C-alpha atoms as a PDB file:
ATOM      1  CA  UNK A   1     170.555 254.108 100.048  1.00  0.00           C
ATOM      2  CA  UNK A   2     170.925 252.160 103.171  1.00  0.00           C
ATOM      3  CA  UNK A   3     170.099 248.436 102.656  1.00  0.00           C
ATOM      4  CA  UNK A   4     168.322 246.411 105.016  1.00  0.00           C
ATOM      5  CA  UNK A   5     169.587 243.920 107.098  1.00  0.00           C
ATOM      6  CA  UNK A   6     168.123 240.372 107.084  1.00  0.00           C
ATOM      7  CA  UNK A   7     165.469 239.965 109.556  1.00  0.00           C
ATOM      8  CA  UNK A   8     165.526 236.613 111.506  1.00  0.00           C
ATOM      9  CA  UNK A   9     162.299 235.318 113.190  1.00  0.00           C
ATOM     10  CA  UNK A  10     161.939 236.856 116.667  1.00  0.00           C
ATOM     11  CA  UNK A  11     161.052 234.581 119.412  1.00  0.00           C
ATOM     12  CA  UNK A  12     157.868 235.401 121.910  1.00  0.00           C
ATOM     13  CA  UNK A  13     158.837 236.660 125.230  1.00  0.00           C
ATOM     14  CA  UNK A  14     156.975 236.862 128.479  1.00  0.00           C
ATOM     15  CA  UNK A  15     159.867 238.999 129.788  1.00  0.00           C
ATOM     16  CA  UNK A  16     158.432 242.570 129.085  1.00  0.00           C
ATOM     17  CA  UNK A  17     158.500 244.403 132.407  1.00  0.00           C
ATOM     18  CA  UNK A  18     154.882 244.408 133.932  1.00  0.00           C
ATOM     19  CA  UNK A  19     154.204 247.076 136.110  1.00  0.00           C
ATOM     20  CA  UNK A  20     151.179 248.044 138.043  1.00  0.00           C
ATOM     21  CA  UNK A  21     150.921 251.883 138.804  1.00  0.00           C
ATOM     22  CA  UNK A  22     148.630 251.146 141.612  1.00  0.00           C
ATOM     23  CA  UNK A  23     151.606 249.752 143.857  1.00  0.00           C
ATOM     24  CA  UNK A  24     153.583 251.737 145.965  1.00  0.00           C
ATOM     25  CA  UNK A  25     156.817 250.352 144.518  1.00  0.00           C
ATOM     26  CA  UNK A  26     155.926 251.133 140.878  1.00  0.00           C
ATOM     27  CA  UNK A  27     158.492 253.981 140.750  1.00  0.00           C
ATOM     28  CA  UNK A  28     161.414 251.762 141.657  1.00  0.00           C
ATOM     29  CA  UNK A  29     160.318 249.075 138.943  1.00  0.00           C
ATOM     30  CA  UNK A  30     159.729 251.952 136.384  1.00  0.00           C
ATOM     31  CA  UNK A  31     163.036 253.185 136.721  1.00  0.00           C
ATOM     32  CA  UNK A  32     164.528 249.530 136.393  1.00  0.00           C
ATOM     33  CA  UNK A  33     162.415 249.215 133.103  1.00  0.00           C
ATOM     34  CA  UNK A  34     163.818 252.527 131.848  1.00  0.00           C
ATOM     35  CA  UNK A  35     167.145 251.460 132.244  1.00  0.00           C
ATOM     36  CA  UNK A  36     167.217 247.703 131.120  1.00  0.00           C
ATOM     37  CA  UNK A  37     164.534 247.860 128.306  1.00  0.00           C
ATOM     38  CA  UNK A  38     163.355 251.391 127.679  1.00  0.00           C
ATOM     39  CA  UNK A  39     160.147 249.826 127.397  1.00  0.00           C
ATOM     40  CA  UNK A  40     157.246 248.205 129.707  1.00  0.00           C
ATOM     41  CA  UNK A  41     153.854 247.541 129.971  1.00  0.00           C
ATOM     42  CA  UNK A  42     151.317 249.262 132.730  1.00  0.00           C
ATOM     43  CA  UNK A  43     148.423 247.916 134.059  1.00  0.00           C
ATOM     44  CA  UNK A  44     145.836 249.850 136.604  1.00  0.00           C
ATOM     45  CA  UNK A  45     146.571 252.730 134.211  1.00  0.00           C
ATOM     46  CA  UNK A  46     143.371 254.639 135.066  1.00  0.00           C
ATOM     47  CA  UNK A  47     142.380 255.184 131.155  1.00  0.00           C
ATOM     48  CA  UNK A  48     138.742 254.356 130.739  1.00  0.00           C
ATOM     49  CA  UNK A  49     137.895 251.084 128.952  1.00  0.00           C
ATOM     50  CA  UNK A  50     135.040 252.999 127.107  1.00  0.00           C
ATOM     51  CA  UNK A  51     137.327 255.801 125.792  1.00  0.00           C
ATOM     52  CA  UNK A  52     139.796 253.151 124.484  1.00  0.00           C
ATOM     53  CA  UNK A  53     137.087 251.227 122.530  1.00  0.00           C
ATOM     54  CA  UNK A  54     134.780 254.400 121.380  1.00  0.00           C
ATOM     55  CA  UNK A  55     138.050 255.666 119.675  1.00  0.00           C
ATOM     56  CA  UNK A  56     139.031 252.341 118.126  1.00  0.00           C
ATOM     57  CA  UNK A  57     135.587 251.769 116.757  1.00  0.00           C
ATOM     58  CA  UNK A  58     136.038 255.437 114.964  1.00  0.00           C
ATOM     59  CA  UNK A  59     139.417 254.355 113.748  1.00  0.00           C
ATOM     60  CA  UNK A  60     138.027 250.895 112.426  1.00  0.00           C
ATOM     61  CA  UNK A  61     135.201 252.529 110.620  1.00  0.00           C
ATOM     62  CA  UNK A  62     137.743 255.276 109.020  1.00  0.00           C
ATOM     63  CA  UNK A  63     140.336 252.706 107.716  1.00  0.00           C
ATOM     64  CA  UNK A  64     137.173 250.510 106.530  1.00  0.00           C
ATOM     65  CA  UNK A  65     136.322 253.671 104.018  1.00  0.00           C
ATOM     66  CA  UNK A  66     137.635 253.363 100.274  1.00  0.00           C
ATOM     67  CA  UNK A  67     140.955 254.394  99.652  1.00  0.00           C
ATOM     68  CA  UNK A  68     139.597 256.873  97.465  1.00  0.00           C
ATOM     69  CA  UNK A  69     137.782 258.601 100.392  1.00  0.00           C
ATOM     70  CA  UNK A  70     140.667 258.306 103.058  1.00  0.00           C
ATOM     71  CA  UNK A  71     142.901 260.155 100.530  1.00  0.00           C
ATOM     72  CA  UNK A  72     140.767 263.184 100.608  1.00  0.00           C
ATOM     73  CA  UNK A  73     142.396 263.492 104.278  1.00  0.00           C
ATOM     74  CA  UNK A  74     145.823 263.275 103.148  1.00  0.00           C
ATOM     75  CA  UNK A  75     148.801 263.839 102.313  1.00  0.00           C
ATOM     76  CA  UNK A  76     150.245 264.165 105.860  1.00  0.00           C
ATOM     77  CA  UNK A  77     151.823 267.374 105.965  1.00  0.00           C
ATOM     78  CA  UNK A  78     152.145 267.263 108.623  1.00  0.00           C
ATOM     79  CA  UNK A  79     148.880 266.069 109.915  1.00  0.00           C
ATOM     80  CA  UNK A  80     146.449 264.036 107.890  1.00  0.00           C
ATOM     81  CA  UNK A  81     146.226 260.776 106.246  1.00  0.00           C
ATOM     82  CA  UNK A  82     149.224 258.844 104.860  1.00  0.00           C
ATOM     83  CA  UNK A  83     149.466 255.183 103.184  1.00  0.00           C
ATOM     84  CA  UNK A  84     152.986 253.291 102.766  1.00  0.00           C
ATOM     85  CA  UNK A  85     155.157 256.084 102.884  1.00  0.00           C
ATOM     86  CA  UNK A  86     156.594 257.010 106.044  1.00  0.00           C
ATOM     87  CA  UNK A  87     158.256 260.318 106.416  1.00  0.00           C
ATOM     88  CA  UNK A  88     160.061 262.293 103.584  1.00  0.00           C
ATOM     89  CA  UNK A  89     163.183 260.032 103.222  1.00  0.00           C
ATOM     90  CA  UNK A  90     162.119 256.864 101.214  1.00  0.00           C
ATOM     91  CA  UNK A  91     160.711 254.535 104.008  1.00  0.00           C
ATOM     92  CA  UNK A  92     157.976 252.694 103.666  1.00  0.00           C
ATOM     93  CA  UNK A  93     155.943 249.799 105.332  1.00  0.00           C
ATOM     94  CA  UNK A  94     152.612 248.091 105.117  1.00  0.00           C
ATOM     95  CA  UNK A  95     150.755 250.523 106.903  1.00  0.00           C
ATOM     96  CA  UNK A  96     148.240 253.369 106.829  1.00  0.00           C
ATOM     97  CA  UNK A  97     147.743 255.858 109.322  1.00  0.00           C
ATOM     98  CA  UNK A  98     146.438 259.203 110.781  1.00  0.00           C
ATOM     99  CA  UNK A  99     148.706 261.793 112.313  1.00  0.00           C
ATOM    100  CA  UNK A 100     146.945 264.289 114.488  1.00  0.00           C
ATOM    101  CA  UNK A 101     147.662 266.913 117.018  1.00  0.00           C
ATOM    102  CA  UNK A 102     147.378 265.842 120.608  1.00  0.00           C
ATOM    103  CA  UNK A 103     146.385 269.359 121.852  1.00  0.00           C
ATOM    104  CA  UNK A 104     142.599 269.368 123.111  1.00  0.00           C
ATOM    105  CA  UNK A 105     140.288 271.080 120.424  1.00  0.00           C
ATOM    106  CA  UNK A 106     142.608 270.751 117.405  1.00  0.00           C
ATOM    107  CA  UNK A 107     141.472 272.058 114.211  1.00  0.00           C
ATOM    108  CA  UNK A 108     137.745 271.286 113.618  1.00  0.00           C
ATOM    109  CA  UNK A 109     137.622 272.022 109.888  1.00  0.00           C
ATOM    110  CA  UNK A 110     140.714 269.591 109.481  1.00  0.00           C
ATOM    111  CA  UNK A 111     139.228 266.768 111.455  1.00  0.00           C
ATOM    112  CA  UNK A 112     135.983 266.974 109.451  1.00  0.00           C
ATOM    113  CA  UNK A 113     137.946 266.510 106.420  1.00  0.00           C
ATOM    114  CA  UNK A 114     139.721 263.475 107.607  1.00  0.00           C
ATOM    115  CA  UNK A 115     136.716 261.905 108.948  1.00  0.00           C
ATOM    116  CA  UNK A 116     133.793 263.563 107.048  1.00  0.00           C
ATOM    117  CA  UNK A 117     130.632 262.407 109.456  1.00  0.00           C
ATOM    118  CA  UNK A 118     130.016 262.355 113.010  1.00  0.00           C
ATOM    119  CA  UNK A 119     132.784 264.948 113.629  1.00  0.00           C
ATOM    120  CA  UNK A 120     131.282 265.913 116.817  1.00  0.00           C
ATOM    121  CA  UNK A 121     131.498 262.474 118.074  1.00  0.00           C
ATOM    122  CA  UNK A 122     134.879 261.842 116.935  1.00  0.00           C
ATOM    123  CA  UNK A 123     136.432 265.246 118.388  1.00  0.00           C
ATOM    124  CA  UNK A 124     135.399 264.102 121.723  1.00  0.00           C
ATOM    125  CA  UNK A 125     136.487 260.469 121.381  1.00  0.00           C
ATOM    126  CA  UNK A 126     139.975 261.677 120.154  1.00  0.00           C
ATOM    127  CA  UNK A 127     140.147 264.506 123.023  1.00  0.00           C
ATOM    128  CA  UNK A 128     138.847 262.013 125.622  1.00  0.00           C
ATOM    129  CA  UNK A 129     141.286 259.461 124.909  1.00  0.00           C
ATOM    130  CA  UNK A 130     144.453 261.484 124.529  1.00  0.00           C
ATOM    131  CA  UNK A 131     143.541 263.590 127.595  1.00  0.00           C
ATOM    132  CA  UNK A 132     143.268 260.484 129.946  1.00  0.00           C
ATOM    133  CA  UNK A 133     146.526 259.136 128.153  1.00  0.00           C
ATOM    134  CA  UNK A 134     148.415 262.294 128.695  1.00  0.00           C
ATOM    135  CA  UNK A 135     147.228 262.210 132.584  1.00  0.00           C
ATOM    136  CA  UNK A 136     148.525 258.451 132.783  1.00  0.00           C
ATOM    137  CA  UNK A 137     151.893 259.648 130.803  1.00  0.00           C
ATOM    138  CA  UNK A 138     152.617 262.459 133.211  1.00  0.00           C
ATOM    139  CA  UNK A 139     151.840 260.244 136.107  1.00  0.00           C
ATOM    140  CA  UNK A 140     154.416 257.520 134.855  1.00  0.00           C
ATOM    141  CA  UNK A 141     156.822 260.632 134.448  1.00  0.00           C
ATOM    142  CA  UNK A 142     156.277 262.096 137.779  1.00  0.00           C
ATOM    143  CA  UNK A 143     157.150 258.410 139.426  1.00  0.00           C
ATOM    144  CA  UNK A 144     160.340 258.266 137.341  1.00  0.00           C
ATOM    145  CA  UNK A 145     161.090 261.535 138.992  1.00  0.00           C
ATOM    146  CA  UNK A 146     160.404 260.109 142.449  1.00  0.00           C
ATOM    147  CA  UNK A 147     162.537 256.981 141.676  1.00  0.00           C
ATOM    148  CA  UNK A 148     165.605 258.971 140.462  1.00  0.00           C
ATOM    149  CA  UNK A 149     165.048 261.115 143.788  1.00  0.00           C
ATOM    150  CA  UNK A 150     164.525 264.590 141.767  1.00  0.00           C
ATOM    151  CA  UNK A 151     163.298 266.916 144.142  1.00  0.00           C
ATOM    152  CA  UNK A 152     161.135 268.759 141.354  1.00  0.00           C
ATOM    153  CA  UNK A 153     158.509 265.882 140.696  1.00  0.00           C
ATOM    154  CA  UNK A 154     157.190 267.628 137.398  1.00  0.00           C
ATOM    155  CA  UNK A 155     160.464 268.021 135.932  1.00  0.00           C
ATOM    156  CA  UNK A 156     159.434 265.903 132.926  1.00  0.00           C
ATOM    157  CA  UNK A 157     155.722 266.017 133.044  1.00  0.00           C
ATOM    158  CA  UNK A 158     155.826 269.925 132.954  1.00  0.00           C
ATOM    159  CA  UNK A 159     156.651 269.577 129.467  1.00  0.00           C
ATOM    160  CA  UNK A 160     153.805 267.375 128.172  1.00  0.00           C
ATOM    161  CA  UNK A 161     151.248 269.669 130.064  1.00  0.00           C
ATOM    162  CA  UNK A 162     152.980 272.661 128.771  1.00  0.00           C
ATOM    163  CA  UNK A 163     150.262 274.708 126.455  1.00  0.00           C
ATOM    164  CA  UNK A 164     152.974 274.733 123.862  1.00  0.00           C
ATOM    165  CA  UNK A 165     153.675 271.269 124.073  1.00  0.00           C
ATOM    166  CA  UNK A 166     154.629 269.922 120.585  1.00  0.00           C
ATOM    167  CA  UNK A 167     152.860 266.450 121.217  1.00  0.00           C
ATOM    168  CA  UNK A 168     151.240 264.316 118.387  1.00  0.00           C
ATOM    169  CA  UNK A 169     148.796 261.274 118.187  1.00  0.00           C
ATOM    170  CA  UNK A 170     149.128 258.606 115.526  1.00  0.00           C
ATOM    171  CA  UNK A 171     146.794 255.742 114.522  1.00  0.00           C
ATOM    172  CA  UNK A 172     147.964 253.176 112.682  1.00  0.00           C
ATOM    173  CA  UNK A 173     146.345 250.255 111.027  1.00  0.00           C
ATOM    174  CA  UNK A 174     148.485 247.158 109.209  1.00  0.00           C
ATOM    175  CA  UNK A 175     146.253 245.279 107.219  1.00  0.00           C
ATOM    176  CA  UNK A 176     146.594 241.533 106.857  1.00  0.00           C
ATOM    177  CA  UNK A 177     148.752 239.969 104.270  1.00  0.00           C
ATOM    178  CA  UNK A 178     148.053 236.418 103.924  1.00  0.00           C
ATOM    179  CA  UNK A 179     149.839 236.248 100.969  1.00  0.00           C
ATOM    180  CA  UNK A 180     152.936 236.334 102.917  1.00  0.00           C
ATOM    181  CA  UNK A 181     151.941 233.259 104.762  1.00  0.00           C
ATOM    182  CA  UNK A 182     154.781 230.474 104.902  1.00  0.00           C
ATOM    183  CA  UNK A 183     157.141 233.446 103.124  1.00  0.00           C
ATOM    184  CA  UNK A 184     160.499 233.734 104.684  1.00  0.00           C
ATOM    185  CA  UNK A 185     161.938 237.158 102.851  1.00  0.00           C
ATOM    186  CA  UNK A 186     162.171 239.425 105.926  1.00  0.00           C
ATOM    187  CA  UNK A 187     161.864 242.540 103.672  1.00  0.00           C
ATOM    188  CA  UNK A 188     158.289 241.683 102.688  1.00  0.00           C
ATOM    189  CA  UNK A 189     157.391 241.722 106.201  1.00  0.00           C
ATOM    190  CA  UNK A 190     157.922 245.220 107.670  1.00  0.00           C
ATOM    191  CA  UNK A 191     154.869 246.858 108.632  1.00  0.00           C
ATOM    192  CA  UNK A 192     156.808 249.682 110.058  1.00  0.00           C
ATOM    193  CA  UNK A 193     160.517 249.734 110.134  1.00  0.00           C
ATOM    194  CA  UNK A 194     162.983 249.754 113.123  1.00  0.00           C
ATOM    195  CA  UNK A 195     163.486 253.130 115.011  1.00  0.00           C
ATOM    196  CA  UNK A 196     163.490 254.909 118.115  1.00  0.00           C
ATOM    197  CA  UNK A 197     161.027 257.684 119.197  1.00  0.00           C
ATOM    198  CA  UNK A 198     162.723 261.227 119.285  1.00  0.00           C
ATOM    199  CA  UNK A 199     160.058 262.696 121.988  1.00  0.00           C
ATOM    200  CA  UNK A 200     160.075 262.204 125.565  1.00  0.00           C
ATOM    201  CA  UNK A 201     157.692 259.223 125.952  1.00  0.00           C
ATOM    202  CA  UNK A 202     155.354 257.100 124.056  1.00  0.00           C
ATOM    203  CA  UNK A 203     152.427 255.455 125.091  1.00  0.00           C
ATOM    204  CA  UNK A 204     150.980 252.958 122.968  1.00  0.00           C
ATOM    205  CA  UNK A 205     147.838 250.510 122.858  1.00  0.00           C
ATOM    206  CA  UNK A 206     146.778 247.907 120.307  1.00  0.00           C
ATOM    207  CA  UNK A 207     144.095 245.683 119.399  1.00  0.00           C
ATOM    208  CA  UNK A 208     144.819 242.025 120.127  1.00  0.00           C
ATOM    209  CA  UNK A 209     146.979 241.331 117.080  1.00  0.00           C
ATOM    210  CA  UNK A 210     150.716 240.782 117.252  1.00  0.00           C
ATOM    211  CA  UNK A 211     153.302 242.394 115.446  1.00  0.00           C
ATOM    212  CA  UNK A 212     155.129 244.801 117.694  1.00  0.00           C
ATOM    213  CA  UNK A 213     158.783 244.056 118.455  1.00  0.00           C
ATOM    214  CA  UNK A 214     161.294 245.332 120.467  1.00  0.00           C
ATOM    215  CA  UNK A 215     165.392 245.037 120.316  1.00  0.00           C
ATOM    216  CA  UNK A 216     167.188 244.097 123.234  1.00  0.00           C
ATOM    217  CA  UNK A 217     170.736 245.649 124.419  1.00  0.00           C
ATOM    218  CA  UNK A 218     172.573 242.634 122.646  1.00  0.00           C
ATOM    219  CA  UNK A 219     170.901 243.435 118.960  1.00  0.00           C
ATOM    220  CA  UNK A 220     168.293 240.764 119.007  1.00  0.00           C
ATOM    221  CA  UNK A 221     164.670 241.184 118.964  1.00  0.00           C
ATOM    222  CA  UNK A 222     161.808 239.923 120.894  1.00  0.00           C
ATOM    223  CA  UNK A 223     157.931 240.159 120.069  1.00  0.00           C
ATOM    224  CA  UNK A 224     155.792 241.874 122.388  1.00  0.00           C
ATOM    225  CA  UNK A 225     152.797 239.643 123.088  1.00  0.00           C
ATOM    226  CA  UNK A 226     149.479 241.887 122.488  1.00  0.00           C
ATOM    227  CA  UNK A 227     147.397 243.079 125.209  1.00  0.00           C
ATOM    228  CA  UNK A 228     144.643 245.451 124.143  1.00  0.00           C
ATOM    229  CA  UNK A 229     143.654 246.294 127.934  1.00  0.00           C
ATOM    230  CA  UNK A 230     147.109 247.440 128.799  1.00  0.00           C
ATOM    231  CA  UNK A 231     149.446 250.214 127.428  1.00  0.00           C
ATOM    232  CA  UNK A 232     152.955 249.783 126.371  1.00  0.00           C
ATOM    233  CA  UNK A 233     155.349 252.456 127.076  1.00  0.00           C
ATOM    234  CA  UNK A 234     158.907 253.594 125.259  1.00  0.00           C
ATOM    235  CA  UNK A 235     161.409 255.722 126.576  1.00  0.00           C
ATOM    236  CA  UNK A 236     162.138 258.426 123.917  1.00  0.00           C
ATOM    237  CA  UNK A 237     165.154 259.818 122.786  1.00  0.00           C
ATOM    238  CA  UNK A 238     164.755 263.152 124.627  1.00  0.00           C
ATOM    239  CA  UNK A 239     164.371 261.195 127.721  1.00  0.00           C
ATOM    240  CA  UNK A 240     167.472 259.470 127.231  1.00  0.00           C
ATOM    241  CA  UNK A 241     169.491 262.899 126.947  1.00  0.00           C
ATOM    242  CA  UNK A 242     167.723 264.170 129.925  1.00  0.00           C
ATOM    243  CA  UNK A 243     168.687 261.156 132.092  1.00  0.00           C
ATOM    244  CA  UNK A 244     172.457 261.216 130.180  1.00  0.00           C
ATOM    245  CA  UNK A 245     171.888 258.113 129.079  1.00  0.00           C
ATOM    246  CA  UNK A 246     170.809 256.437 132.190  1.00  0.00           C
ATOM    247  CA  UNK A 247     167.391 255.575 130.584  1.00  0.00           C
ATOM    248  CA  UNK A 248     167.952 254.191 127.171  1.00  0.00           C
ATOM    249  CA  UNK A 249     165.150 254.828 123.877  1.00  0.00           C
ATOM    250  CA  UNK A 250     164.304 251.650 122.557  1.00  0.00           C
ATOM    251  CA  UNK A 251     164.425 250.431 119.141  1.00  0.00           C
ATOM    252  CA  UNK A 252     161.190 248.976 117.900  1.00  0.00           C
ATOM    253  CA  UNK A 253     159.645 247.742 115.033  1.00  0.00           C
ATOM    254  CA  UNK A 254     156.251 246.220 113.440  1.00  0.00           C
ATOM    255  CA  UNK A 255     156.086 243.227 111.410  1.00  0.00           C
ATOM    256  CA  UNK A 256     153.040 242.909 109.386  1.00  0.00           C
ATOM    257  CA  UNK A 257     150.818 240.071 110.009  1.00  0.00           C
ATOM    258  CA  UNK A 258     149.572 237.074 107.840  1.00  0.00           C
ATOM    259  CA  UNK A 259     145.656 237.048 108.713  1.00  0.00           C
ATOM    260  CA  UNK A 260     144.829 239.637 111.055  1.00  0.00           C
ATOM    261  CA  UNK A 261     144.203 243.363 110.952  1.00  0.00           C
ATOM    262  CA  UNK A 262     146.246 245.526 113.604  1.00  0.00           C
ATOM    263  CA  UNK A 263     145.342 249.146 114.906  1.00  0.00           C
ATOM    264  CA  UNK A 264     147.425 250.739 117.053  1.00  0.00           C
ATOM    265  CA  UNK A 265     147.092 254.267 118.948  1.00  0.00           C
ATOM    266  CA  UNK A 266     150.278 255.944 120.190  1.00  0.00           C
ATOM    267  CA  UNK A 267     150.432 259.259 122.032  1.00  0.00           C
ATOM    268  CA  UNK A 268     153.993 260.712 121.422  1.00  0.00           C
ATOM    269  CA  UNK A 269     154.532 263.283 124.274  1.00  0.00           C
ATOM    270  CA  UNK A 270     156.650 266.191 123.309  1.00  0.00           C
ATOM    271  CA  UNK A 271     158.159 269.259 124.753  1.00  0.00           C
ATOM    272  CA  UNK A 272     157.548 272.677 123.265  1.00  0.00           C
ATOM    273  CA  UNK A 273     159.358 273.510 120.303  1.00  0.00           C
ATOM    274  CA  UNK A 274     161.789 276.023 121.794  1.00  0.00           C
ATOM    275  CA  UNK A 275     162.314 273.863 124.702  1.00  0.00           C
ATOM    276  CA  UNK A 276     166.036 273.062 125.826  1.00  0.00           C
ATOM    277  CA  UNK A 277     167.046 269.469 126.048  1.00  0.00           C
ATOM    278  CA  UNK A 278     170.255 268.458 127.960  1.00  0.00           C
ATOM    279  CA  UNK A 279     171.080 266.362 130.998  1.00  0.00           C
ATOM    280  CA  UNK A 280     169.562 267.224 134.235  1.00  0.00           C
ATOM    281  CA  UNK A 281     171.952 268.892 136.491  1.00  0.00           C
ATOM    282  CA  UNK A 282     170.340 266.818 139.519  1.00  0.00           C
ATOM    283  CA  UNK A 283     171.180 263.501 137.748  1.00  0.00           C
ATOM    284  CA  UNK A 284     174.864 264.321 136.994  1.00  0.00           C
ATOM    285  CA  UNK A 285     177.060 262.805 139.755  1.00  0.00           C
ATOM    286  CA  UNK A 286     180.179 264.938 140.672  1.00  0.00           C
ATOM    287  CA  UNK A 287     182.337 265.313 137.846  1.00  0.00           C
ATOM    288  CA  UNK A 288     180.456 263.327 135.492  1.00  0.00           C
ATOM    289  CA  UNK A 289     180.431 264.696 131.949  1.00  0.00           C
ATOM    290  CA  UNK A 290     177.436 265.252 129.772  1.00  0.00           C
ATOM    291  CA  UNK A 291     177.271 262.696 126.961  1.00  0.00           C
ATOM    292  CA  UNK A 292     175.371 265.213 124.881  1.00  0.00           C
ATOM    293  CA  UNK A 293     175.508 268.771 123.354  1.00  0.00           C
ATOM    294  CA  UNK A 294     172.486 270.757 124.344  1.00  0.00           C
ATOM    295  CA  UNK A 295     169.605 271.334 121.729  1.00  0.00           C
ATOM    296  CA  UNK A 296     166.203 272.764 121.366  1.00  0.00           C
ATOM    297  CA  UNK A 297     163.574 270.251 120.659  1.00  0.00           C
ATOM    298  CA  UNK A 298     162.885 272.180 117.352  1.00  0.00           C
ATOM    299  CA  UNK A 299     166.426 271.395 116.236  1.00  0.00           C
ATOM    300  CA  UNK A 300     166.413 267.814 117.142  1.00  0.00           C
ATOM    301  CA  UNK A 301     162.987 267.209 115.429  1.00  0.00           C
ATOM    302  CA  UNK A 302     164.134 268.911 112.254  1.00  0.00           C
ATOM    303  CA  UNK A 303     167.078 266.583 112.250  1.00  0.00           C
ATOM    304  CA  UNK A 304     165.287 263.598 112.855  1.00  0.00           C
ATOM    305  CA  UNK A 305     162.558 264.357 110.356  1.00  0.00           C
ATOM    306  CA  UNK A 306     165.661 264.625 107.600  1.00  0.00           C
ATOM    307  CA  UNK A 307     166.905 261.134 108.836  1.00  0.00           C
ATOM    308  CA  UNK A 308     166.072 257.522 107.718  1.00  0.00           C
ATOM    309  CA  UNK A 309     163.888 255.527 110.651  1.00  0.00           C
ATOM    310  CA  UNK A 310     166.871 253.110 111.224  1.00  0.00           C
ATOM    311  CA  UNK A 311     169.388 256.114 111.685  1.00  0.00           C
ATOM    312  CA  UNK A 312     171.019 256.664 114.893  1.00  0.00           C
ATOM    313  CA  UNK A 313     169.167 260.206 115.361  1.00  0.00           C
ATOM    314  CA  UNK A 314     171.063 261.291 118.528  1.00  0.00           C
ATOM    315  CA  UNK A 315     174.486 260.696 116.791  1.00  0.00           C
ATOM    316  CA  UNK A 316     174.543 263.699 115.835  1.00  0.00           C
ATOM    317  CA  UNK A 317     174.345 265.230 119.026  1.00  0.00           C
ATOM    318  CA  UNK A 318     176.698 263.335 121.195  1.00  0.00           C
ATOM    319  CA  UNK A 319     179.626 264.676 122.341  1.00  0.00           C
ATOM    320  CA  UNK A 320     182.957 263.268 121.226  1.00  0.00           C
ATOM    321  CA  UNK A 321     185.083 261.931 124.223  1.00  0.00           C
ATOM    322  CA  UNK A 322     188.455 262.973 123.709  1.00  0.00           C
END
């Protein structure tokens, strides 16, 4: 079993790229952020505040229920309620979560089994939120295509807009751990272990509680100051491949908080299962070689699901340079 490396306390940093989507030069800032960090914060994102607050309220109500009631909605195979166990390969964290399909009108019966009341309101809350976040994600991807000078502006976003898009929506709840106050044993602090997201793009927001950290290029970790009114966006592995490594998927993790409960909501924008993922020809300069073997999203998703969180999931799909 892979041993966890010691975790050093990360310093807070205000150096996270902040991008105003209403500004005409945002496309260039987005490209730079994807190249240097693989992570950025967006403002003027267009997602209505009431959509955010309504869904968060529903999530808080659900996670406040007795464990025996929540477990009726699990285990997540793959959708539903999960607690502490993350995936099938031994990763654990101080987290409970709901995993749902991100497509509108997902299975009503499944939703009823999860929430058990106010199902119509909850369905509308999820649909409204996910639809708004998906629109914003597609606009970001369109701006990235513009910034990369790709003629086909929807080359990335069309994969999320496809009716067969394999996108998912996850709500995480990290209960407080007051017993850890002053404890320096890093392994006890893990809320969600370090990993990259395999999809194209991830869009995250959380309540006003710290915990999220990202890894910089030198391997150091910085804490991301919480901002409940903005969204944080991750480059995923698939987007790294499509840009032939120009954009970097960011390694990130969540640390448990001593005193405050943390709720986060993440939209993972994925392509259709049959979609072939490979570097875009329009981004290959001259005789530049592809760094990756071509694969379908289904192949990569299946491979990632078999791996541990901290594994280099793209390693199996990298071309070996002679």
